[in-house]
Protein backbone atom coordinates (compact mmCIF):
# COMPACT_ATOMS: atom_id res chain seq x y z
CA MET A 1 81.80 215.40 198.40
CA LYS A 2 79.24 217.50 199.88
CA SER A 3 78.46 217.31 203.63
CA GLN A 4 75.06 216.26 204.88
CA ASN A 5 74.50 219.75 206.00
CA ASP A 6 75.33 221.38 202.69
CA LEU A 7 72.65 221.31 200.22
CA SER A 8 73.85 223.39 197.87
CA ASP A 9 74.40 220.87 195.26
CA VAL A 10 70.37 219.80 195.66
CA GLU A 11 68.14 220.92 193.28
CA THR A 12 64.32 221.86 194.01
CA ALA A 13 63.34 220.47 190.56
CA THR A 14 65.05 217.33 191.33
CA LEU A 15 63.01 216.86 194.61
CA GLY A 16 60.05 217.98 192.41
CA HIS A 17 60.50 214.44 190.61
CA PHE A 18 59.34 212.59 193.27
CA LEU A 19 57.75 215.00 195.58
CA GLU A 20 54.23 216.49 195.24
CA THR A 21 53.89 218.28 198.83
CA GLY A 22 55.56 221.10 200.41
CA PHE A 23 56.50 223.02 197.41
CA MET A 24 55.38 226.80 197.40
CA ALA A 25 53.22 228.51 194.84
CA PRO A 26 55.64 229.26 191.35
CA SER A 27 54.17 232.62 191.65
CA LEU A 28 56.89 233.17 194.37
CA GLN A 29 59.92 234.15 192.23
CA ALA A 30 63.59 234.71 193.10
CA LEU A 31 65.20 238.11 192.49
CA LEU A 32 68.55 236.61 192.06
CA PRO A 33 67.64 233.39 190.15
CA ASP A 34 71.08 232.18 190.14
CA ARG A 35 71.44 231.66 193.76
CA ARG A 36 70.20 228.66 195.90
CA ILE A 37 69.65 229.06 199.88
CA PHE A 38 68.88 226.22 202.35
CA GLY A 39 68.56 226.60 206.17
CA PRO A 40 66.20 226.52 209.40
CA ALA A 41 62.85 228.53 208.81
CA LEU A 42 62.52 231.72 210.93
CA THR A 43 58.72 232.04 210.58
CA LEU A 44 56.81 235.42 210.60
CA ARG A 45 53.23 236.31 210.27
CA MET A 46 52.36 239.86 209.44
CA GLN A 47 48.96 241.53 208.53
CA GLY A 48 48.26 244.79 206.42
CA ASP A 49 50.74 247.51 206.62
CA ASP A 50 52.06 246.74 210.25
CA GLY A 51 55.68 245.88 209.84
CA ALA A 52 56.64 245.93 213.41
CA ALA A 53 57.16 241.85 213.90
CA LEU A 54 59.67 241.88 210.89
CA VAL A 55 61.79 244.32 213.01
CA ASP A 56 61.71 242.22 215.88
CA ALA A 57 62.30 239.07 213.87
CA LEU A 58 65.30 240.71 212.18
CA SER A 59 66.60 241.61 215.62
CA ALA A 60 66.46 238.07 217.04
CA ALA A 61 67.47 236.08 213.68
CA GLU A 62 70.21 233.75 213.74
CA PRO A 63 73.14 233.04 211.24
CA GLY A 64 71.58 230.38 208.31
CA GLN A 65 68.13 230.82 209.13
CA VAL A 66 65.81 231.45 206.09
CA ILE A 67 63.33 234.27 207.23
CA VAL A 68 59.74 233.21 205.89
CA VAL A 69 56.89 235.68 205.72
CA ASP A 70 53.45 235.08 206.07
CA ARG A 71 51.48 238.59 204.68
CA CYS A 72 48.13 236.90 205.27
CA GLY A 73 47.14 237.74 201.89
CA ASP A 74 48.22 241.39 201.63
CA LEU A 75 48.49 242.40 198.11
CA ARG A 76 49.34 246.00 198.31
CA HIS A 77 52.19 246.62 200.78
CA ALA A 78 55.72 245.68 200.46
CA CYS A 79 57.32 244.57 203.80
CA TRP A 80 61.16 244.20 202.69
CA GLY A 81 63.63 246.67 201.16
CA ALA A 82 67.21 247.93 201.41
CA VAL A 83 67.10 248.51 205.36
CA THR A 84 65.58 245.15 206.24
CA THR A 85 68.04 243.33 203.77
CA CYS A 86 71.20 245.00 205.62
CA ALA A 87 69.66 244.10 208.88
CA ALA A 88 69.14 240.67 207.39
CA GLN A 89 72.66 240.47 206.37
CA ALA A 90 74.33 241.64 209.41
CA ARG A 91 72.82 238.76 211.35
CA GLY A 92 73.86 236.35 208.75
CA VAL A 93 70.61 235.50 207.44
CA ALA A 94 70.66 233.00 204.64
CA GLY A 95 67.72 234.67 202.37
CA ALA A 96 64.02 235.55 202.77
CA VAL A 97 61.01 234.01 201.03
CA ILE A 98 57.93 236.34 201.51
CA ASP A 99 54.57 235.74 200.34
CA GLY A 100 53.89 239.05 199.38
CA PHE A 101 55.96 242.20 198.12
CA VAL A 102 59.20 243.69 198.32
CA THR A 103 60.40 247.47 197.15
CA ASP A 104 64.14 248.69 196.52
CA ARG A 105 64.68 245.66 193.91
CA SER A 106 67.85 247.61 193.02
CA ALA A 107 69.19 247.73 196.49
CA ILE A 108 68.53 244.01 197.16
CA THR A 109 70.00 242.43 194.00
CA ASP A 110 73.10 245.15 194.51
CA ALA A 111 73.64 243.66 197.91
CA GLY A 112 73.35 240.06 196.41
CA PHE A 113 70.53 239.08 199.15
CA PRO A 114 68.46 236.17 198.13
CA VAL A 115 64.88 236.70 198.14
CA TRP A 116 61.82 235.04 196.75
CA CYS A 117 58.60 236.86 196.56
CA ARG A 118 55.66 237.83 194.58
CA GLY A 119 56.58 240.96 192.95
CA ARG A 120 57.26 244.67 193.98
CA SER A 121 55.23 247.79 195.31
CA PRO A 122 56.30 251.23 196.27
CA ILE A 123 53.92 251.22 199.15
CA THR A 124 55.50 250.00 202.43
CA THR A 125 54.64 248.43 205.69
CA LYS A 126 55.25 250.92 209.00
CA PRO A 127 56.32 249.79 212.55
CA ARG A 128 52.72 250.22 213.95
CA GLY A 129 53.10 247.69 216.52
CA ILE A 130 49.36 246.24 216.27
CA GLY A 131 50.04 242.70 215.74
CA GLY A 132 52.26 239.73 214.14
CA ASP A 133 53.84 236.66 215.16
CA ILE A 134 56.95 235.14 215.32
CA ASN A 135 58.12 231.60 215.42
CA VAL A 136 54.83 230.21 214.68
CA THR A 137 53.10 227.84 212.33
CA ILE A 138 52.28 230.13 209.27
CA HIS A 139 51.18 229.47 205.44
CA CYS A 140 53.36 230.72 202.81
CA GLY A 141 52.51 229.82 199.29
CA GLY A 142 50.04 227.67 200.06
CA VAL A 143 52.70 225.74 202.52
CA ALA A 144 52.55 225.18 206.03
CA VAL A 145 55.81 226.20 207.28
CA HIS A 146 56.76 225.41 211.08
CA PRO A 147 59.73 226.95 213.01
CA GLY A 148 62.98 224.97 212.02
CA ASP A 149 61.68 223.43 208.90
CA LEU A 150 64.15 223.24 206.47
CA VAL A 151 63.77 225.36 203.50
CA LEU A 152 65.42 224.77 200.03
CA ALA A 153 65.09 227.36 197.52
CA ASP A 154 66.57 228.14 194.01
CA GLU A 155 65.75 229.25 190.58
CA SER A 156 62.84 226.65 190.03
CA GLY A 157 61.28 227.53 193.45
CA VAL A 158 60.88 227.23 196.97
CA VAL A 159 60.23 223.78 198.77
CA VAL A 160 59.64 223.08 202.54
CA LEU A 161 60.76 219.75 204.15
CA ASP A 162 60.00 218.39 207.58
CA PRO A 163 63.71 217.92 209.41
CA SER A 164 62.89 214.31 210.39
CA GLU A 165 62.00 213.43 206.80
CA ALA A 166 64.74 215.75 204.71
CA GLN A 167 67.80 213.60 204.97
CA ALA A 168 66.17 210.64 202.90
CA HIS A 169 64.67 212.87 200.47
CA ILE A 170 67.97 214.98 200.06
CA ASP A 171 69.98 211.29 199.51
CA ARG A 172 67.63 210.28 196.84
CA ALA A 173 67.94 213.50 194.81
CA ARG A 174 71.75 213.55 195.02
CA ARG A 175 71.44 209.95 193.52
CA MET A 176 69.27 210.99 190.93
CA GLN A 177 71.36 214.13 189.93
CA GLU A 178 74.12 211.50 189.50
CA ASP A 179 71.86 209.38 187.37
CA GLU A 180 70.99 212.49 185.32
CA LEU A 181 74.54 213.51 184.30
CA VAL A 182 74.87 209.85 182.85
CA ILE A 183 71.83 210.04 180.92
CA LEU A 184 72.88 213.43 179.65
CA GLU A 185 76.07 212.09 178.28
CA ARG A 186 74.40 208.94 176.89
CA LEU A 187 71.93 211.61 174.86
CA ARG A 188 75.18 213.30 173.71
CA ALA A 189 76.75 210.08 172.41
CA GLY A 190 73.82 209.51 170.22
CA GLU A 191 71.35 207.44 172.14
CA THR A 192 67.43 208.51 172.17
CA LEU A 193 65.69 209.30 175.17
CA ALA A 194 63.21 206.75 174.09
CA GLU A 195 65.85 203.91 174.13
CA ILE A 196 67.60 205.18 177.47
CA THR A 197 64.23 205.36 178.88
CA ARG A 198 63.09 201.81 178.10
CA ALA A 199 66.83 200.19 179.20
CA ASN A 200 66.13 201.97 182.49
CA LYS A 201 62.98 200.25 183.23
CA GLN A 202 64.55 196.74 182.25
CA PRO A 203 64.93 194.25 185.32
CA ALA A 204 68.29 193.63 186.58
């Protein structure tokens, strides 16, 4: 049985059966679709081609955190690549969610580091030191993310949960996933989905 702090068995798509909010835009896709990550958000706001704030964030990151990057609408520069991946792994970071682009995809995937992003670009940010914010409320994938919010990401997408509400949602998701296993067995045994659905709606 999984501990409450281990969410490796919880699917974002299960949460999507009963939640409508907290889900980032589906255009943020996983570079490693077979991976699932979870952990408290280390939030970061970066504008344009200035990557200095990411250098500071990676130097302060704690094990298990998920780095969540608001690129403020930049659709040109990649802020993440081979070096940042190595720096994140050295700090024990669980993964990164970037509302923007990455470079060095093969180095990221070869390292086995989970990243969700909008795509790839060969043009990178530079450590200009012009601006940027760490551990502030940001917007990523259309969702407000506060420092310490619980981030869960897998092959289906990324969801952000308020820590004060997360456990109730997680418990419900686990129950639904257990019920789904029973439904699959009934389907394989010959029942139709309509029969199962009608039976499940009947009062006890």
